[in-house]
């Protein structure tokens, strides 16, 4: 039976039950919980340092009302990083390659930032649709363009995360297939290709971390416009 390269992105099922639910619960098993001890282990210390540095960097441009989002966005960052990196392991499934999941994460958070802006500062929020000093004939066109750009933001968030992870997984599978095909025919070329695959794997780990950071960073920028 010949399998397609895109079969790796199909949600696995067991007895008709989608296993994506188990994949979404996996990050809770690897993220260590803080203890009451004076000295924590290395993993907890590294995790706490990362969370502290990330929170300080993301929320430093925001004012005090925006700091209420720190817990939710930091948890989202750790959640997406865990899903992306666990999906690089062999025989695993990456939920963040599903556009429906990424859109489901992006739309509520984007909508929450818009609602916060409309409630706290409606004049400023509506002012983004029409920049000051716009010529009268361009007012209807600019309002339409700004409205489209506003509603396309969550779609861009989900598509960016999905496209980057999907492209990386496909490229890794293509190169790995080439290694197995070339190994009995041209061993030297196969070794060179395997070296490229190893370097690409390291690059994909970096992409998994960067894309999670970019996802949360853009949400924080949308929040900055509305608080």
N, C-alpha and C. Protein backbone atom coordinates (compact mmCIF):
# COMPACT_ATOMS: atom_id res chain seq x y z
N UNK A 1 0.86 -1.20 0.00
CA UNK A 1 0.00 0.00 0.00
C UNK A 1 0.89 1.24 0.00
N UNK A 2 0.69 2.13 -0.97
CA UNK A 2 1.48 3.34 -1.09
C UNK A 2 0.83 4.46 -0.29
N UNK A 3 1.62 5.09 0.56
CA UNK A 3 1.12 6.16 1.39
C UNK A 3 1.54 7.50 0.81
N UNK A 4 0.69 8.49 0.94
CA UNK A 4 1.00 9.83 0.50
C UNK A 4 1.83 10.55 1.55
N UNK A 5 2.59 11.55 1.09
CA UNK A 5 3.39 12.33 2.03
C UNK A 5 2.50 13.11 3.00
N UNK A 6 1.27 13.36 2.59
CA UNK A 6 0.37 14.14 3.43
C UNK A 6 -0.39 13.28 4.44
N UNK A 7 -0.19 11.97 4.41
CA UNK A 7 -0.87 11.11 5.36
C UNK A 7 -0.40 11.34 6.79
N UNK A 8 0.82 11.89 6.95
CA UNK A 8 1.32 12.14 8.29
C UNK A 8 0.54 13.25 8.99
N UNK A 9 -0.21 14.06 8.23
CA UNK A 9 -0.96 15.16 8.83
C UNK A 9 -2.40 14.77 9.14
N UNK A 10 -2.78 13.54 8.85
CA UNK A 10 -4.12 13.07 9.19
C UNK A 10 -4.21 12.76 10.68
N UNK A 11 -5.29 13.18 11.29
CA UNK A 11 -5.47 12.93 12.71
C UNK A 11 -5.67 11.44 12.96
N UNK A 12 -4.80 10.79 13.74
CA UNK A 12 -4.94 9.34 13.97
C UNK A 12 -6.16 9.03 14.84
N UNK A 13 -6.72 7.87 14.62
CA UNK A 13 -7.89 7.44 15.38
C UNK A 13 -7.65 6.03 15.91
N UNK A 14 -8.29 5.71 17.02
CA UNK A 14 -8.24 4.39 17.63
C UNK A 14 -9.66 3.99 18.01
N UNK A 15 -10.17 2.96 17.35
CA UNK A 15 -11.55 2.51 17.57
C UNK A 15 -12.55 3.64 17.34
N UNK A 16 -12.26 4.45 16.31
CA UNK A 16 -13.14 5.55 15.97
C UNK A 16 -12.99 6.79 16.83
N UNK A 17 -12.05 6.76 17.79
CA UNK A 17 -11.84 7.91 18.68
C UNK A 17 -10.62 8.68 18.21
N UNK A 18 -10.74 9.99 17.93
CA UNK A 18 -9.57 10.76 17.49
C UNK A 18 -8.54 10.89 18.61
N UNK A 19 -7.30 10.56 18.28
CA UNK A 19 -6.22 10.62 19.27
C UNK A 19 -5.62 12.01 19.41
N UNK A 20 -6.17 12.99 18.68
CA UNK A 20 -5.66 14.35 18.82
C UNK A 20 -5.92 14.88 20.23
N UNK A 21 -6.94 14.32 20.89
CA UNK A 21 -7.22 14.73 22.28
C UNK A 21 -6.06 14.34 23.18
N UNK A 22 -5.51 13.13 22.99
CA UNK A 22 -4.35 12.72 23.78
C UNK A 22 -3.13 13.56 23.44
N UNK A 23 -2.99 13.91 22.16
CA UNK A 23 -1.85 14.74 21.75
C UNK A 23 -1.92 16.13 22.39
N UNK A 24 -3.12 16.66 22.55
CA UNK A 24 -3.27 17.98 23.17
C UNK A 24 -3.02 17.92 24.68
N UNK A 25 -3.18 16.72 25.28
CA UNK A 25 -2.93 16.58 26.71
C UNK A 25 -1.46 16.28 27.01
N UNK A 26 -0.68 15.96 25.99
CA UNK A 26 0.72 15.58 26.22
C UNK A 26 1.57 16.67 26.87
N UNK A 27 1.40 17.97 26.51
CA UNK A 27 2.24 18.99 27.17
C UNK A 27 2.10 19.03 28.69
N UNK A 28 0.93 18.68 29.21
CA UNK A 28 0.76 18.71 30.66
C UNK A 28 1.58 17.64 31.36
N UNK A 29 2.05 16.65 30.61
CA UNK A 29 2.83 15.57 31.21
C UNK A 29 4.32 15.88 31.28
N UNK A 30 4.79 16.79 30.43
CA UNK A 30 6.23 17.07 30.38
C UNK A 30 6.60 18.38 31.05
N UNK A 31 5.63 19.27 31.26
CA UNK A 31 5.93 20.54 31.92
C UNK A 31 5.94 20.30 33.43
N UNK A 32 7.05 20.57 34.05
CA UNK A 32 7.20 20.30 35.48
C UNK A 32 6.46 21.34 36.30
N UNK A 33 5.92 20.91 37.43
CA UNK A 33 5.21 21.79 38.35
C UNK A 33 6.16 22.31 39.42
N UNK A 34 6.02 23.56 39.81
CA UNK A 34 6.88 24.08 40.88
C UNK A 34 6.61 23.40 42.21
N UNK A 35 7.65 23.24 43.01
CA UNK A 35 7.52 22.58 44.30
C UNK A 35 7.71 23.60 45.43
N UNK A 36 7.50 23.16 46.64
CA UNK A 36 7.66 24.01 47.81
C UNK A 36 9.08 23.98 48.38
N UNK A 37 9.99 23.30 47.71
CA UNK A 37 11.35 23.22 48.19
C UNK A 37 12.10 24.53 47.95
N UNK A 38 13.13 24.77 48.76
CA UNK A 38 13.94 25.96 48.56
C UNK A 38 14.75 25.87 47.28
N UNK A 39 15.23 24.67 46.95
CA UNK A 39 16.02 24.46 45.74
C UNK A 39 15.26 23.51 44.81
N UNK A 40 14.98 23.98 43.60
CA UNK A 40 14.29 23.14 42.62
C UNK A 40 15.32 22.39 41.78
N UNK A 41 14.84 21.43 40.99
CA UNK A 41 15.75 20.72 40.10
C UNK A 41 16.07 21.58 38.89
N UNK A 42 16.96 21.08 38.04
CA UNK A 42 17.45 21.88 36.91
C UNK A 42 16.34 22.18 35.92
N UNK A 43 15.46 21.21 35.67
CA UNK A 43 14.38 21.41 34.70
C UNK A 43 13.43 22.52 35.15
N UNK A 44 13.05 22.49 36.42
CA UNK A 44 12.14 23.52 36.93
C UNK A 44 12.81 24.89 36.93
N UNK A 45 14.09 24.94 37.27
CA UNK A 45 14.81 26.21 37.26
C UNK A 45 14.92 26.77 35.84
N UNK A 46 15.23 25.90 34.87
CA UNK A 46 15.32 26.34 33.48
C UNK A 46 13.96 26.81 32.97
N UNK A 47 12.92 26.10 33.31
CA UNK A 47 11.58 26.49 32.89
C UNK A 47 11.17 27.81 33.51
N UNK A 48 11.45 28.02 34.78
CA UNK A 48 11.09 29.27 35.45
C UNK A 48 11.87 30.45 34.86
N UNK A 49 13.16 30.23 34.56
CA UNK A 49 13.96 31.30 33.96
C UNK A 49 13.43 31.68 32.58
N UNK A 50 13.08 30.67 31.78
CA UNK A 50 12.53 30.94 30.45
C UNK A 50 11.22 31.71 30.54
N UNK A 51 10.33 31.28 31.41
CA UNK A 51 9.04 31.95 31.54
C UNK A 51 9.22 33.39 32.02
N UNK A 52 10.14 33.61 32.95
CA UNK A 52 10.38 34.97 33.46
C UNK A 52 10.91 35.87 32.37
N UNK A 53 11.90 35.40 31.62
CA UNK A 53 12.48 36.21 30.55
C UNK A 53 11.47 36.48 29.44
N UNK A 54 10.69 35.47 29.10
CA UNK A 54 9.68 35.66 28.05
C UNK A 54 8.62 36.66 28.47
N UNK A 55 8.13 36.53 29.69
CA UNK A 55 7.09 37.44 30.17
C UNK A 55 7.60 38.87 30.23
N UNK A 56 8.84 39.06 30.69
CA UNK A 56 9.40 40.42 30.76
C UNK A 56 9.57 41.03 29.38
N UNK A 57 9.96 40.22 28.39
CA UNK A 57 10.19 40.75 27.05
C UNK A 57 8.89 41.06 26.33
N UNK A 58 7.89 40.20 26.47
CA UNK A 58 6.64 40.37 25.74
C UNK A 58 5.81 41.51 26.32
N UNK A 59 5.77 41.62 27.66
CA UNK A 59 4.84 42.55 28.28
C UNK A 59 5.48 43.86 28.72
N UNK A 60 6.76 44.06 28.43
CA UNK A 60 7.38 45.34 28.78
C UNK A 60 6.78 46.52 28.01
N UNK A 61 6.38 46.37 26.70
CA UNK A 61 5.75 47.53 26.03
C UNK A 61 4.33 47.81 26.47
N UNK A 62 3.68 46.88 27.17
CA UNK A 62 2.28 47.03 27.54
C UNK A 62 2.14 47.77 28.86
N UNK A 63 1.02 48.45 29.02
CA UNK A 63 0.74 49.11 30.28
C UNK A 63 0.14 48.11 31.27
N UNK A 64 -0.22 48.60 32.44
CA UNK A 64 -0.68 47.72 33.52
C UNK A 64 -1.90 46.88 33.15
N UNK A 65 -2.94 47.42 32.49
CA UNK A 65 -4.08 46.55 32.14
C UNK A 65 -3.70 45.37 31.25
N UNK A 66 -2.70 45.56 30.41
CA UNK A 66 -2.30 44.47 29.52
C UNK A 66 -1.57 43.36 30.24
N UNK A 67 -1.03 43.63 31.44
CA UNK A 67 -0.31 42.61 32.19
C UNK A 67 -1.24 41.52 32.72
N UNK A 68 -2.56 41.76 32.70
CA UNK A 68 -3.49 40.73 33.13
C UNK A 68 -3.48 39.52 32.19
N UNK A 69 -2.97 39.72 30.98
CA UNK A 69 -2.93 38.66 29.99
C UNK A 69 -1.67 37.80 30.12
N UNK A 70 -0.80 38.11 31.06
CA UNK A 70 0.50 37.45 31.13
C UNK A 70 0.37 35.94 31.33
N UNK A 71 -0.47 35.53 32.27
CA UNK A 71 -0.60 34.11 32.56
C UNK A 71 -1.14 33.34 31.36
N UNK A 72 -2.15 33.89 30.69
CA UNK A 72 -2.77 33.18 29.58
C UNK A 72 -1.82 33.08 28.39
N UNK A 73 -1.14 34.18 28.04
CA UNK A 73 -0.26 34.15 26.88
C UNK A 73 1.00 33.33 27.14
N UNK A 74 1.51 33.38 28.37
CA UNK A 74 2.68 32.55 28.69
C UNK A 74 2.32 31.07 28.66
N UNK A 75 1.15 30.73 29.17
CA UNK A 75 0.70 29.33 29.12
C UNK A 75 0.50 28.89 27.67
N UNK A 76 -0.05 29.78 26.84
CA UNK A 76 -0.23 29.46 25.43
C UNK A 76 1.11 29.24 24.74
N UNK A 77 2.09 30.06 25.10
CA UNK A 77 3.44 29.90 24.53
C UNK A 77 4.02 28.53 24.87
N UNK A 78 3.96 28.14 26.14
CA UNK A 78 4.49 26.84 26.56
C UNK A 78 3.71 25.70 25.90
N UNK A 79 2.41 25.88 25.74
CA UNK A 79 1.57 24.85 25.13
C UNK A 79 1.95 24.61 23.67
N UNK A 80 2.10 25.70 22.90
CA UNK A 80 2.43 25.56 21.49
C UNK A 80 3.85 25.04 21.31
N UNK A 81 4.78 25.50 22.13
CA UNK A 81 6.16 24.99 22.05
C UNK A 81 6.19 23.48 22.30
N UNK A 82 5.44 23.04 23.30
CA UNK A 82 5.42 21.61 23.62
C UNK A 82 4.83 20.80 22.47
N UNK A 83 3.74 21.28 21.88
CA UNK A 83 3.13 20.56 20.77
C UNK A 83 4.07 20.52 19.56
N UNK A 84 4.72 21.64 19.27
CA UNK A 84 5.60 21.68 18.10
C UNK A 84 6.81 20.77 18.26
N UNK A 85 7.43 20.79 19.43
CA UNK A 85 8.64 19.99 19.62
C UNK A 85 8.31 18.50 19.76
N UNK A 86 7.22 18.17 20.43
CA UNK A 86 6.83 16.76 20.53
C UNK A 86 6.48 16.18 19.16
N UNK A 87 5.97 17.02 18.27
CA UNK A 87 5.63 16.55 16.93
C UNK A 87 6.83 16.21 16.07
N UNK A 88 8.03 16.61 16.49
CA UNK A 88 9.24 16.28 15.74
C UNK A 88 9.76 14.88 16.08
N UNK A 89 9.23 14.27 17.11
CA UNK A 89 9.66 12.91 17.46
C UNK A 89 9.09 11.91 16.45
N UNK A 90 9.79 10.78 16.24
CA UNK A 90 9.28 9.78 15.29
C UNK A 90 7.95 9.18 15.77
N UNK A 91 7.11 8.86 14.79
CA UNK A 91 5.82 8.19 15.04
C UNK A 91 4.92 9.01 15.98
N UNK A 92 4.97 10.31 15.84
CA UNK A 92 4.10 11.19 16.62
C UNK A 92 3.26 12.03 15.67
N UNK A 93 2.27 12.68 16.24
CA UNK A 93 1.36 13.53 15.47
C UNK A 93 1.46 14.95 16.00
N UNK A 94 1.53 15.92 15.08
CA UNK A 94 1.65 17.32 15.46
C UNK A 94 0.30 18.01 15.30
N UNK A 95 -0.41 18.30 16.40
CA UNK A 95 -1.73 18.94 16.26
C UNK A 95 -1.67 20.32 15.62
N UNK A 96 -0.54 21.04 15.78
CA UNK A 96 -0.46 22.39 15.24
C UNK A 96 -0.27 22.41 13.73
N UNK A 97 -0.21 21.26 13.06
CA UNK A 97 -0.24 21.25 11.61
C UNK A 97 -1.68 21.28 11.08
N UNK A 98 -2.65 21.25 11.99
CA UNK A 98 -4.06 21.32 11.61
C UNK A 98 -4.51 22.78 11.63
N UNK A 99 -4.97 23.27 10.48
CA UNK A 99 -5.39 24.66 10.40
C UNK A 99 -6.58 24.94 11.30
N UNK A 100 -7.46 23.97 11.47
CA UNK A 100 -8.64 24.18 12.30
C UNK A 100 -8.24 24.46 13.76
N UNK A 101 -7.23 23.75 14.27
CA UNK A 101 -6.77 23.98 15.63
C UNK A 101 -6.16 25.36 15.78
N UNK A 102 -5.31 25.74 14.83
CA UNK A 102 -4.64 27.04 14.92
C UNK A 102 -5.62 28.20 14.79
N UNK A 103 -6.59 28.04 13.89
CA UNK A 103 -7.62 29.08 13.78
C UNK A 103 -8.44 29.13 15.06
N UNK A 104 -8.71 27.96 15.65
CA UNK A 104 -9.46 27.93 16.91
C UNK A 104 -8.72 28.59 18.05
N UNK A 105 -7.39 28.59 18.02
CA UNK A 105 -6.62 29.31 19.03
C UNK A 105 -6.54 30.80 18.73
N UNK A 106 -6.45 31.15 17.44
CA UNK A 106 -6.22 32.55 17.07
C UNK A 106 -7.48 33.40 17.16
N UNK A 107 -8.61 32.87 16.70
CA UNK A 107 -9.82 33.68 16.62
C UNK A 107 -10.30 34.17 18.00
N UNK A 108 -10.42 33.31 19.02
CA UNK A 108 -10.89 33.83 20.32
C UNK A 108 -9.96 34.88 20.93
N UNK A 109 -8.65 34.67 20.80
CA UNK A 109 -7.71 35.63 21.38
C UNK A 109 -7.75 36.96 20.62
N UNK A 110 -7.80 36.88 19.28
CA UNK A 110 -7.92 38.12 18.49
C UNK A 110 -9.23 38.84 18.80
N UNK A 111 -10.32 38.10 18.89
CA UNK A 111 -11.61 38.71 19.18
C UNK A 111 -11.62 39.33 20.58
N UNK A 112 -10.94 38.70 21.52
CA UNK A 112 -10.87 39.27 22.87
C UNK A 112 -10.13 40.61 22.87
N UNK A 113 -9.03 40.71 22.09
CA UNK A 113 -8.31 41.99 22.03
C UNK A 113 -9.18 43.07 21.40
N UNK A 114 -9.97 42.71 20.38
CA UNK A 114 -10.85 43.70 19.74
C UNK A 114 -11.94 44.15 20.71
N UNK A 115 -12.51 43.21 21.45
CA UNK A 115 -13.57 43.57 22.40
C UNK A 115 -13.02 44.44 23.51
N UNK A 116 -11.80 44.14 23.98
CA UNK A 116 -11.18 44.97 25.02
C UNK A 116 -10.98 46.39 24.51
N UNK A 117 -10.52 46.53 23.27
CA UNK A 117 -10.32 47.86 22.71
C UNK A 117 -11.62 48.62 22.54
N UNK A 118 -12.67 47.95 22.06
CA UNK A 118 -13.96 48.61 21.88
C UNK A 118 -14.57 49.02 23.21
N UNK A 119 -14.30 48.26 24.26
CA UNK A 119 -14.90 48.57 25.56
C UNK A 119 -14.12 49.66 26.29
N UNK A 120 -12.79 49.61 26.25
CA UNK A 120 -11.98 50.54 27.04
C UNK A 120 -11.75 51.87 26.33
N UNK A 121 -11.47 51.82 25.03
CA UNK A 121 -11.20 53.05 24.29
C UNK A 121 -11.82 52.94 22.90
N UNK A 122 -13.13 53.09 22.81
CA UNK A 122 -13.80 52.90 21.51
C UNK A 122 -13.36 53.91 20.46
N UNK A 123 -13.07 55.15 20.89
CA UNK A 123 -12.67 56.17 19.91
C UNK A 123 -11.35 55.80 19.25
N UNK A 124 -10.37 55.38 20.05
CA UNK A 124 -9.06 55.00 19.50
C UNK A 124 -9.19 53.75 18.65
N UNK A 125 -9.99 52.77 19.11
CA UNK A 125 -10.15 51.53 18.36
C UNK A 125 -10.78 51.78 16.99
N UNK A 126 -11.81 52.62 16.96
CA UNK A 126 -12.44 52.93 15.69
C UNK A 126 -11.58 53.85 14.84
N UNK A 127 -10.67 54.61 15.51
CA UNK A 127 -9.80 55.50 14.76
C UNK A 127 -8.80 54.78 13.87
N UNK A 128 -8.54 53.49 14.15
CA UNK A 128 -7.64 52.73 13.30
C UNK A 128 -8.21 52.50 11.91
N UNK A 129 -9.53 52.58 11.78
CA UNK A 129 -10.13 52.36 10.47
C UNK A 129 -9.95 53.55 9.55
N UNK A 130 -9.70 54.71 10.10
CA UNK A 130 -9.59 55.92 9.28
C UNK A 130 -8.47 56.80 9.83
N UNK A 131 -7.27 56.74 9.23
CA UNK A 131 -6.17 57.57 9.71
C UNK A 131 -6.49 59.05 9.56
N UNK A 132 -5.88 59.85 10.43
CA UNK A 132 -6.13 61.29 10.41
C UNK A 132 -5.54 61.92 9.16
N UNK A 133 -6.29 62.85 8.58
CA UNK A 133 -5.83 63.56 7.39
C UNK A 133 -6.10 62.82 6.09
N UNK A 134 -6.98 61.82 6.12
CA UNK A 134 -7.28 61.07 4.89
C UNK A 134 -8.14 61.92 3.95
N UNK A 135 -7.79 62.00 2.66
CA UNK A 135 -8.64 62.74 1.71
C UNK A 135 -10.05 62.16 1.65
N UNK A 136 -11.02 63.02 1.45
CA UNK A 136 -12.42 62.60 1.46
C UNK A 136 -12.75 61.50 0.45
N UNK A 137 -12.25 61.57 -0.79
CA UNK A 137 -12.60 60.48 -1.74
C UNK A 137 -12.06 59.11 -1.33
N UNK A 138 -11.00 59.06 -0.51
CA UNK A 138 -10.40 57.78 -0.12
C UNK A 138 -11.00 57.19 1.15
N UNK A 139 -11.90 57.93 1.79
CA UNK A 139 -12.44 57.45 3.08
C UNK A 139 -13.16 56.10 2.94
N UNK A 140 -14.10 55.91 1.98
CA UNK A 140 -14.76 54.59 1.89
C UNK A 140 -13.79 53.46 1.58
N UNK A 141 -12.82 53.73 0.70
CA UNK A 141 -11.86 52.69 0.32
C UNK A 141 -11.00 52.29 1.50
N UNK A 142 -10.52 53.29 2.26
CA UNK A 142 -9.66 52.99 3.40
C UNK A 142 -10.41 52.23 4.49
N UNK A 143 -11.66 52.58 4.70
CA UNK A 143 -12.45 51.87 5.72
C UNK A 143 -12.60 50.41 5.34
N UNK A 144 -12.86 50.14 4.05
CA UNK A 144 -13.00 48.75 3.60
C UNK A 144 -11.68 48.01 3.75
N UNK A 145 -10.58 48.64 3.36
CA UNK A 145 -9.26 47.98 3.43
C UNK A 145 -8.89 47.68 4.88
N UNK A 146 -9.10 48.65 5.77
CA UNK A 146 -8.75 48.45 7.17
C UNK A 146 -9.64 47.39 7.82
N UNK A 147 -10.90 47.34 7.41
CA UNK A 147 -11.79 46.30 7.95
C UNK A 147 -11.34 44.91 7.51
N UNK A 148 -10.97 44.79 6.23
CA UNK A 148 -10.49 43.49 5.74
C UNK A 148 -9.19 43.10 6.45
N UNK A 149 -8.28 44.06 6.62
CA UNK A 149 -7.02 43.75 7.30
C UNK A 149 -7.24 43.36 8.76
N UNK A 150 -8.27 43.93 9.39
CA UNK A 150 -8.56 43.56 10.78
C UNK A 150 -9.08 42.13 10.86
N UNK A 151 -9.99 41.77 9.97
CA UNK A 151 -10.59 40.44 10.04
C UNK A 151 -9.67 39.35 9.50
N UNK A 152 -8.64 39.73 8.77
CA UNK A 152 -7.73 38.72 8.22
C UNK A 152 -6.62 38.38 9.21
N UNK A 153 -6.51 39.11 10.30
CA UNK A 153 -5.44 38.87 11.27
C UNK A 153 -5.48 37.46 11.86
N UNK A 154 -6.61 36.98 12.38
CA UNK A 154 -6.60 35.61 12.94
C UNK A 154 -6.33 34.54 11.89
N UNK A 155 -6.79 34.78 10.66
CA UNK A 155 -6.51 33.82 9.59
C UNK A 155 -5.01 33.77 9.31
N UNK A 156 -4.37 34.94 9.28
CA UNK A 156 -2.93 34.99 9.05
C UNK A 156 -2.17 34.30 10.18
N UNK A 157 -2.63 34.46 11.41
CA UNK A 157 -1.97 33.79 12.53
C UNK A 157 -2.02 32.27 12.37
N UNK A 158 -3.20 31.75 12.07
CA UNK A 158 -3.33 30.30 11.94
C UNK A 158 -2.61 29.75 10.72
N UNK A 159 -2.72 30.44 9.58
CA UNK A 159 -2.08 29.96 8.36
C UNK A 159 -0.56 30.00 8.49
N UNK A 160 -0.01 31.03 9.14
CA UNK A 160 1.44 31.13 9.29
C UNK A 160 1.99 29.95 10.09
N UNK A 161 1.35 29.65 11.21
CA UNK A 161 1.82 28.54 12.04
C UNK A 161 1.67 27.20 11.31
N UNK A 162 0.53 27.00 10.65
CA UNK A 162 0.29 25.75 9.94
C UNK A 162 1.25 25.57 8.78
N UNK A 163 1.45 26.62 7.98
CA UNK A 163 2.27 26.50 6.78
C UNK A 163 3.73 26.22 7.12
N UNK A 164 4.27 26.90 8.12
CA UNK A 164 5.68 26.70 8.48
C UNK A 164 5.93 25.29 8.99
N UNK A 165 5.05 24.79 9.85
CA UNK A 165 5.26 23.45 10.39
C UNK A 165 5.01 22.38 9.33
N UNK A 166 3.99 22.57 8.49
CA UNK A 166 3.70 21.59 7.45
C UNK A 166 4.84 21.51 6.44
N UNK A 167 5.36 22.66 6.02
CA UNK A 167 6.47 22.66 5.06
C UNK A 167 7.69 21.98 5.63
N UNK A 168 8.00 22.22 6.90
CA UNK A 168 9.16 21.60 7.52
C UNK A 168 9.02 20.08 7.61
N UNK A 169 7.84 19.61 8.00
CA UNK A 169 7.63 18.17 8.11
C UNK A 169 7.69 17.48 6.74
N UNK A 170 7.12 18.13 5.72
CA UNK A 170 7.18 17.56 4.38
C UNK A 170 8.61 17.48 3.87
N UNK A 171 9.39 18.54 4.10
CA UNK A 171 10.78 18.55 3.63
C UNK A 171 11.60 17.48 4.34
N UNK A 172 11.38 17.30 5.64
CA UNK A 172 12.09 16.25 6.36
C UNK A 172 11.73 14.87 5.84
N UNK A 173 10.46 14.65 5.54
CA UNK A 173 10.05 13.34 5.03
C UNK A 173 10.61 13.09 3.63
N UNK A 174 10.64 14.11 2.79
CA UNK A 174 11.20 13.96 1.45
C UNK A 174 12.68 13.60 1.51
N UNK A 175 13.45 14.31 2.35
CA UNK A 175 14.88 14.04 2.45
C UNK A 175 15.12 12.67 3.08
N UNK A 176 14.34 12.31 4.09
CA UNK A 176 14.50 10.98 4.70
C UNK A 176 14.20 9.88 3.69
N UNK A 177 13.19 10.06 2.86
CA UNK A 177 12.89 9.07 1.81
C UNK A 177 14.04 8.97 0.82
N UNK A 178 14.62 10.12 0.48
CA UNK A 178 15.76 10.12 -0.44
C UNK A 178 16.95 9.37 0.15
N UNK A 179 17.17 9.50 1.45
CA UNK A 179 18.29 8.78 2.09
C UNK A 179 18.10 7.28 1.96
N UNK A 180 16.91 6.77 2.24
CA UNK A 180 16.67 5.32 2.15
C UNK A 180 16.77 4.82 0.72
N UNK A 181 16.38 5.64 -0.25
CA UNK A 181 16.45 5.22 -1.65
C UNK A 181 17.90 5.21 -2.14
N UNK A 182 18.67 6.22 -1.73
CA UNK A 182 20.05 6.36 -2.23
C UNK A 182 21.05 5.47 -1.49
N UNK A 183 20.70 4.97 -0.30
CA UNK A 183 21.67 4.23 0.50
C UNK A 183 22.22 2.98 -0.21
N UNK A 184 21.40 2.12 -0.82
CA UNK A 184 21.99 0.96 -1.52
C UNK A 184 22.62 1.31 -2.87
N UNK A 185 22.23 2.44 -3.45
CA UNK A 185 22.72 2.80 -4.78
C UNK A 185 23.99 3.65 -4.72
N UNK A 186 23.93 4.73 -3.95
CA UNK A 186 25.06 5.66 -3.83
C UNK A 186 25.26 5.99 -2.35
N UNK A 187 26.03 5.19 -1.64
CA UNK A 187 26.19 5.39 -0.19
C UNK A 187 26.77 6.76 0.17
N UNK A 188 27.70 7.26 -0.64
CA UNK A 188 28.32 8.56 -0.32
C UNK A 188 27.29 9.67 -0.39
N UNK A 189 26.51 9.68 -1.44
CA UNK A 189 25.46 10.69 -1.57
C UNK A 189 24.43 10.55 -0.46
N UNK A 190 24.15 9.30 -0.08
CA UNK A 190 23.18 9.06 0.99
C UNK A 190 23.69 9.62 2.33
N UNK A 191 24.98 9.49 2.59
CA UNK A 191 25.54 10.03 3.84
C UNK A 191 25.47 11.55 3.85
N UNK A 192 25.78 12.15 2.69
CA UNK A 192 25.68 13.62 2.60
C UNK A 192 24.24 14.07 2.81
N UNK A 193 23.31 13.33 2.20
CA UNK A 193 21.90 13.67 2.37
C UNK A 193 21.45 13.49 3.81
N UNK A 194 21.96 12.47 4.49
CA UNK A 194 21.62 12.26 5.90
C UNK A 194 22.16 13.39 6.77
N UNK A 195 23.34 13.91 6.41
CA UNK A 195 23.89 15.06 7.14
C UNK A 195 23.00 16.28 6.96
N UNK A 196 22.50 16.47 5.74
CA UNK A 196 21.58 17.58 5.49
C UNK A 196 20.29 17.40 6.29
N UNK A 197 19.84 16.15 6.37
CA UNK A 197 18.64 15.86 7.16
C UNK A 197 18.85 16.18 8.64
N UNK A 198 20.03 15.87 9.16
CA UNK A 198 20.33 16.18 10.56
C UNK A 198 20.33 17.69 10.80
N UNK A 199 20.94 18.44 9.88
CA UNK A 199 20.95 19.90 10.02
C UNK A 199 19.54 20.47 9.88
N UNK A 200 18.75 19.88 9.00
CA UNK A 200 17.36 20.35 8.83
C UNK A 200 16.54 20.07 10.08
N UNK A 201 16.81 18.97 10.75
CA UNK A 201 16.10 18.65 11.99
C UNK A 201 16.39 19.70 13.06
N UNK A 202 17.66 20.10 13.16
CA UNK A 202 18.01 21.16 14.11
C UNK A 202 17.29 22.46 13.74
N UNK A 203 17.24 22.75 12.43
CA UNK A 203 16.53 23.95 11.98
C UNK A 203 15.05 23.88 12.32
N UNK A 204 14.45 22.71 12.19
CA UNK A 204 13.03 22.56 12.48
C UNK A 204 12.74 22.73 13.97
N UNK A 205 13.67 22.33 14.82
CA UNK A 205 13.50 22.59 16.26
C UNK A 205 13.46 24.09 16.51
N UNK A 206 14.36 24.82 15.84
CA UNK A 206 14.36 26.29 15.98
C UNK A 206 13.07 26.89 15.43
N UNK A 207 12.60 26.36 14.30
CA UNK A 207 11.34 26.86 13.72
C UNK A 207 10.17 26.61 14.66
N UNK A 208 10.15 25.44 15.30
CA UNK A 208 9.07 25.12 16.24
C UNK A 208 9.03 26.11 17.39
N UNK A 209 10.21 26.51 17.88
CA UNK A 209 10.26 27.48 18.97
C UNK A 209 9.91 28.88 18.49
N UNK A 210 10.45 29.26 17.33
CA UNK A 210 10.25 30.62 16.82
C UNK A 210 8.79 30.85 16.45
N UNK A 211 8.15 29.88 15.83
CA UNK A 211 6.76 30.05 15.41
C UNK A 211 5.82 30.19 16.60
N UNK A 212 6.10 29.47 17.68
CA UNK A 212 5.30 29.64 18.89
C UNK A 212 5.49 31.05 19.46
N UNK A 213 6.73 31.52 19.43
CA UNK A 213 7.02 32.87 19.93
C UNK A 213 6.34 33.93 19.06
N UNK A 214 6.40 33.75 17.74
CA UNK A 214 5.79 34.73 16.84
C UNK A 214 4.27 34.75 17.02
N UNK A 215 3.66 33.60 17.22
CA UNK A 215 2.21 33.53 17.41
C UNK A 215 1.79 34.36 18.62
N UNK A 216 2.47 34.17 19.73
CA UNK A 216 2.12 34.91 20.95
C UNK A 216 2.53 36.37 20.83
N UNK A 217 3.65 36.65 20.16
CA UNK A 217 4.10 38.03 20.00
C UNK A 217 3.09 38.85 19.21
N UNK A 218 2.55 38.30 18.14
CA UNK A 218 1.57 39.04 17.35
C UNK A 218 0.29 39.29 18.13
N UNK A 219 -0.12 38.33 18.94
CA UNK A 219 -1.30 38.55 19.79
C UNK A 219 -1.03 39.67 20.78
N UNK A 220 0.18 39.71 21.33
CA UNK A 220 0.52 40.79 22.26
C UNK A 220 0.55 42.15 21.55
N UNK A 221 0.97 42.17 20.29
CA UNK A 221 0.94 43.43 19.53
C UNK A 221 -0.48 43.88 19.26
N UNK A 222 -1.38 42.93 18.96
CA UNK A 222 -2.79 43.29 18.79
C UNK A 222 -3.36 43.81 20.11
N UNK A 223 -2.93 43.21 21.20
CA UNK A 223 -3.39 43.67 22.51
C UNK A 223 -2.85 45.06 22.82
N UNK A 224 -1.61 45.32 22.41
CA UNK A 224 -1.01 46.64 22.66
C UNK A 224 -1.77 47.75 21.98
N UNK A 225 -2.36 47.46 20.83
CA UNK A 225 -3.14 48.47 20.11
C UNK A 225 -4.46 48.80 20.81
N UNK A 226 -4.92 47.94 21.70
CA UNK A 226 -6.26 48.09 22.26
C UNK A 226 -6.29 48.33 23.76
N UNK A 227 -5.14 48.44 24.41
CA UNK A 227 -5.13 48.72 25.86
C UNK A 227 -4.31 49.97 26.12
